[in-house]
Amino acid sequence: MRADAARNLTAVLQAGARLLAEDPGTSMAAIAAAAGVDRTTVHRRFANREALLGAVFQAKLDSAERVLDEARLTEAPVQVALHRYVEGIVPVSREWPVDTRRMMQKDPGSRVRREEQSARLDAFVRRAVDEGFLRADTDAAWARAVLDGLVDAVAHRFPAVDPPQAADLVAATLLNGLGAA
C-alpha cells in the first residue's frame, strides 16, 4: 500500500472510530470529511458503514493485542506488567473509543478475539491474587471489573492525564486501594 493510501486509511479509521462512538448513525460523508478525504475514497475501501465499523473493530483489537503482548502479563513481575498494560491500553482506548460490547454483538469473529484477550487479562488478575498483590479473598472477577473501570475512567473521563501517569494511578488504586491504611 502506498504511503499516502496508508495515511488515508488510518485517518478514515480513526475518524470513523471517533464519530461512530459518538453517533452510530454518522454518515460516510461526515467520516470522510473528518478524515480529510473525499467520500469516494471511503466508499472505494468500505462498501458501507458496517464494513467501516468492522475495520475499526479489527484495528482496535489489533492494537489491544499488541499491548497485551508487550505487557508480558505472564512473564513480567505483576506490578511491571500492570503498569505496561495500562500505559499501553489507555492510548488504545482513546484512539479507538468504539464500544467493545457493540463490537462483540456485531461481529462473531471480533467476539472470539475479544474473549481471548479478556481471558489473558483474567489470568493476569488471578496471577496477581495468587502472588499476593491483591488480597487472597479478592474475587478475581471483581478485581478485573475494577481494573476495566479504572482504565475506562482514566482514558475517557481524564483525557489530560498522560499514559504513564494514568498507569501510576490505576496501579496504585488497584493494588493499594484508596484507604489510608
Protein backbone atom coordinates (compact mmCIF):
# COMPACT_ATOMS: atom_id res chain seq x y z
CA MET A 1 0.00 0.00 0.00
CA ARG A 2 1.33 3.44 -0.90
CA ALA A 3 2.25 5.70 2.00
CA ASP A 4 -0.49 8.23 1.17
CA ALA A 5 -3.08 5.46 0.89
CA ALA A 6 -1.98 4.07 4.26
CA ARG A 7 -2.24 7.54 5.84
CA ASN A 8 -5.71 7.99 4.33
CA LEU A 9 -6.84 4.61 5.63
CA THR A 10 -5.56 5.39 9.12
CA ALA A 11 -7.27 8.79 9.05
CA VAL A 12 -10.57 7.22 7.93
CA LEU A 13 -10.40 4.50 10.59
CA GLN A 14 -9.58 6.96 13.36
CA ALA A 15 -12.26 9.44 12.28
CA GLY A 16 -14.71 6.57 11.94
CA ALA A 17 -13.90 5.29 15.42
CA ARG A 18 -14.39 8.71 16.99
CA LEU A 19 -17.54 9.68 15.11
CA LEU A 20 -19.23 6.27 15.25
CA ALA A 21 -18.57 6.12 19.01
CA GLU A 22 -20.40 9.44 19.36
CA ASP A 23 -23.19 8.60 16.89
CA PRO A 24 -23.54 5.13 15.34
CA GLY A 25 -25.60 6.69 12.54
CA THR A 26 -22.83 9.02 11.37
CA SER A 27 -22.75 9.20 7.58
CA MET A 28 -19.83 8.03 5.48
CA ALA A 29 -19.65 11.57 4.07
CA ALA A 30 -19.18 13.01 7.58
CA ILE A 31 -16.46 10.45 8.32
CA ALA A 32 -14.71 11.28 5.04
CA ALA A 33 -14.84 14.99 5.82
CA ALA A 34 -13.47 14.46 9.32
CA ALA A 35 -10.67 12.30 7.88
CA GLY A 36 -9.84 14.94 5.29
CA VAL A 37 -10.51 12.67 2.32
CA ASP A 38 -13.07 12.54 -0.45
CA ARG A 39 -16.20 10.46 0.12
CA THR A 40 -15.31 8.25 -2.85
CA THR A 41 -12.04 7.36 -1.10
CA VAL A 42 -14.02 5.96 1.81
CA HIS A 43 -16.55 4.17 -0.41
CA ARG A 44 -13.79 2.64 -2.53
CA ARG A 45 -12.39 0.96 0.58
CA PHE A 46 -15.62 0.30 2.52
CA ALA A 47 -18.94 -0.69 0.96
CA ASN A 48 -20.94 0.74 3.86
CA ARG A 49 -20.79 2.00 7.44
CA GLU A 50 -20.89 -1.55 8.83
CA ALA A 51 -17.83 -2.54 6.79
CA LEU A 52 -16.01 0.53 8.08
CA LEU A 53 -17.09 -0.25 11.62
CA GLY A 54 -15.82 -3.81 11.23
CA ALA A 55 -12.42 -2.45 10.14
CA VAL A 56 -12.41 -0.08 13.13
CA PHE A 57 -13.13 -3.02 15.45
CA GLN A 58 -10.27 -5.01 13.92
CA ALA A 59 -7.89 -2.06 14.32
CA LYS A 60 -8.88 -1.74 17.98
CA LEU A 61 -8.39 -5.47 18.55
CA ASP A 62 -5.02 -5.41 16.77
CA SER A 63 -3.88 -2.51 18.96
CA ALA A 64 -5.09 -4.21 22.14
CA GLU A 65 -3.34 -7.43 21.13
CA ARG A 66 -0.03 -5.57 20.74
CA VAL A 67 -0.48 -4.01 24.18
CA LEU A 68 -1.18 -7.39 25.79
CA ASP A 69 1.88 -8.91 24.12
CA GLU A 70 4.14 -6.01 25.10
CA ALA A 71 2.92 -6.01 28.71
CA ARG A 72 4.19 -9.59 29.12
CA LEU A 73 1.37 -10.43 31.51
CA THR A 74 2.64 -13.95 32.24
CA GLU A 75 6.39 -13.24 32.42
CA ALA A 76 7.00 -9.77 33.84
CA PRO A 77 6.60 -9.03 37.54
CA VAL A 78 2.94 -8.24 38.29
CA GLN A 79 3.49 -4.54 39.03
CA VAL A 80 5.58 -4.08 35.88
CA ALA A 81 3.11 -5.97 33.68
CA LEU A 82 0.19 -4.00 35.13
CA HIS A 83 1.93 -0.69 34.51
CA ARG A 84 2.88 -1.68 30.95
CA TYR A 85 -0.65 -2.84 30.22
CA VAL A 86 -2.34 0.32 31.48
CA GLU A 87 0.22 2.63 29.90
CA GLY A 88 -0.40 0.90 26.57
CA ILE A 89 -4.14 0.37 26.70
CA VAL A 90 -5.08 3.94 27.68
CA PRO A 91 -3.96 5.37 24.30
CA VAL A 92 -5.73 2.47 22.55
CA SER A 93 -8.94 3.27 24.42
CA ARG A 94 -8.63 6.93 23.50
CA GLU A 95 -7.76 6.31 19.85
CA TRP A 96 -10.43 3.64 19.30
CA PRO A 97 -13.35 4.73 21.53
CA VAL A 98 -15.88 2.36 19.92
CA ASP A 99 -17.88 0.28 22.37
CA THR A 100 -16.46 -3.21 22.73
CA ARG A 101 -19.90 -4.63 23.63
CA ARG A 102 -21.27 -3.35 20.34
CA MET A 103 -18.29 -4.85 18.56
CA MET A 104 -18.94 -8.25 20.11
CA GLN A 105 -22.62 -8.16 19.11
CA LYS A 106 -21.94 -7.14 15.51
CA ASP A 107 -19.12 -9.49 14.60
CA PRO A 108 -18.68 -13.07 15.89
CA GLY A 109 -15.00 -13.08 14.84
CA SER A 110 -14.38 -9.95 16.86
CA ARG A 111 -16.20 -11.51 19.80
CA VAL A 112 -13.87 -14.52 19.73
CA ARG A 113 -10.77 -12.32 19.56
CA ARG A 114 -12.04 -10.08 22.36
CA GLU A 115 -12.87 -13.08 24.54
CA GLU A 116 -9.34 -14.43 24.02
CA GLN A 117 -7.88 -11.08 25.04
CA SER A 118 -10.20 -10.94 28.02
CA ALA A 119 -9.09 -14.42 29.10
CA ARG A 120 -5.49 -13.21 29.11
CA LEU A 121 -6.43 -10.35 31.44
CA ASP A 122 -8.48 -12.68 33.65
CA ALA A 123 -5.45 -14.97 34.01
CA PHE A 124 -3.27 -11.97 34.85
CA VAL A 125 -5.65 -10.84 37.61
CA ARG A 126 -5.75 -14.38 39.04
CA ARG A 127 -1.94 -14.33 38.97
CA ALA A 128 -1.97 -11.04 40.91
CA VAL A 129 -4.19 -12.67 43.55
CA ASP A 130 -2.14 -15.88 43.64
CA GLU A 131 1.13 -13.96 44.05
CA GLY A 132 -0.26 -11.82 46.88
CA PHE A 133 -0.53 -8.48 45.08
CA LEU A 134 -4.26 -8.50 45.74
CA ARG A 135 -5.82 -9.84 48.94
CA ALA A 136 -6.34 -13.60 48.93
CA ASP A 137 -10.08 -13.13 49.49
CA THR A 138 -10.38 -10.89 46.43
CA ASP A 139 -12.83 -12.19 43.85
CA ALA A 140 -10.83 -12.18 40.60
CA ALA A 141 -13.91 -11.25 38.55
CA TRP A 142 -14.48 -8.23 40.78
CA ALA A 143 -10.82 -7.20 40.56
CA ARG A 144 -10.98 -7.48 36.76
CA ALA A 145 -14.13 -5.33 36.66
CA VAL A 146 -12.38 -2.74 38.85
CA LEU A 147 -9.33 -2.77 36.55
CA ASP A 148 -11.52 -2.29 33.48
CA GLY A 149 -13.46 0.51 35.20
CA LEU A 150 -10.29 2.31 36.25
CA VAL A 151 -8.83 2.09 32.74
CA ASP A 152 -12.07 3.34 31.20
CA ALA A 153 -12.31 6.21 33.68
CA VAL A 154 -8.76 7.45 33.22
CA ALA A 155 -8.90 7.03 29.45
CA HIS A 156 -12.17 8.86 28.88
CA ARG A 157 -13.04 10.98 31.91
CA PHE A 158 -9.50 12.26 32.45
CA PRO A 159 -8.09 12.75 28.95
CA ALA A 160 -5.42 15.20 30.14
CA VAL A 161 -3.74 12.50 32.22
CA ASP A 162 -0.84 11.14 30.19
CA PRO A 163 -0.47 7.34 29.85
CA PRO A 164 2.46 6.90 32.28
CA GLN A 165 0.65 8.90 34.96
CA ALA A 166 -2.57 7.01 34.18
CA ALA A 167 -0.69 3.74 34.71
CA ASP A 168 0.64 5.00 38.05
CA LEU A 169 -2.86 5.99 39.19
CA VAL A 170 -4.55 2.77 38.09
CA ALA A 171 -1.83 0.53 39.53
CA ALA A 172 -1.82 2.36 42.86
CA THR A 173 -5.58 2.28 43.09
CA LEU A 174 -5.91 -1.37 42.13
CA LEU A 175 -3.03 -2.65 44.25
CA ASN A 176 -3.38 -0.33 47.26
CA GLY A 177 -6.94 0.92 47.21
CA LEU A 178 -7.92 4.36 48.31
CA GLY A 179 -7.90 3.75 52.04
CA ALA A 180 -5.50 5.46 54.40
CA ALA A 181 -4.38 2.16 55.93
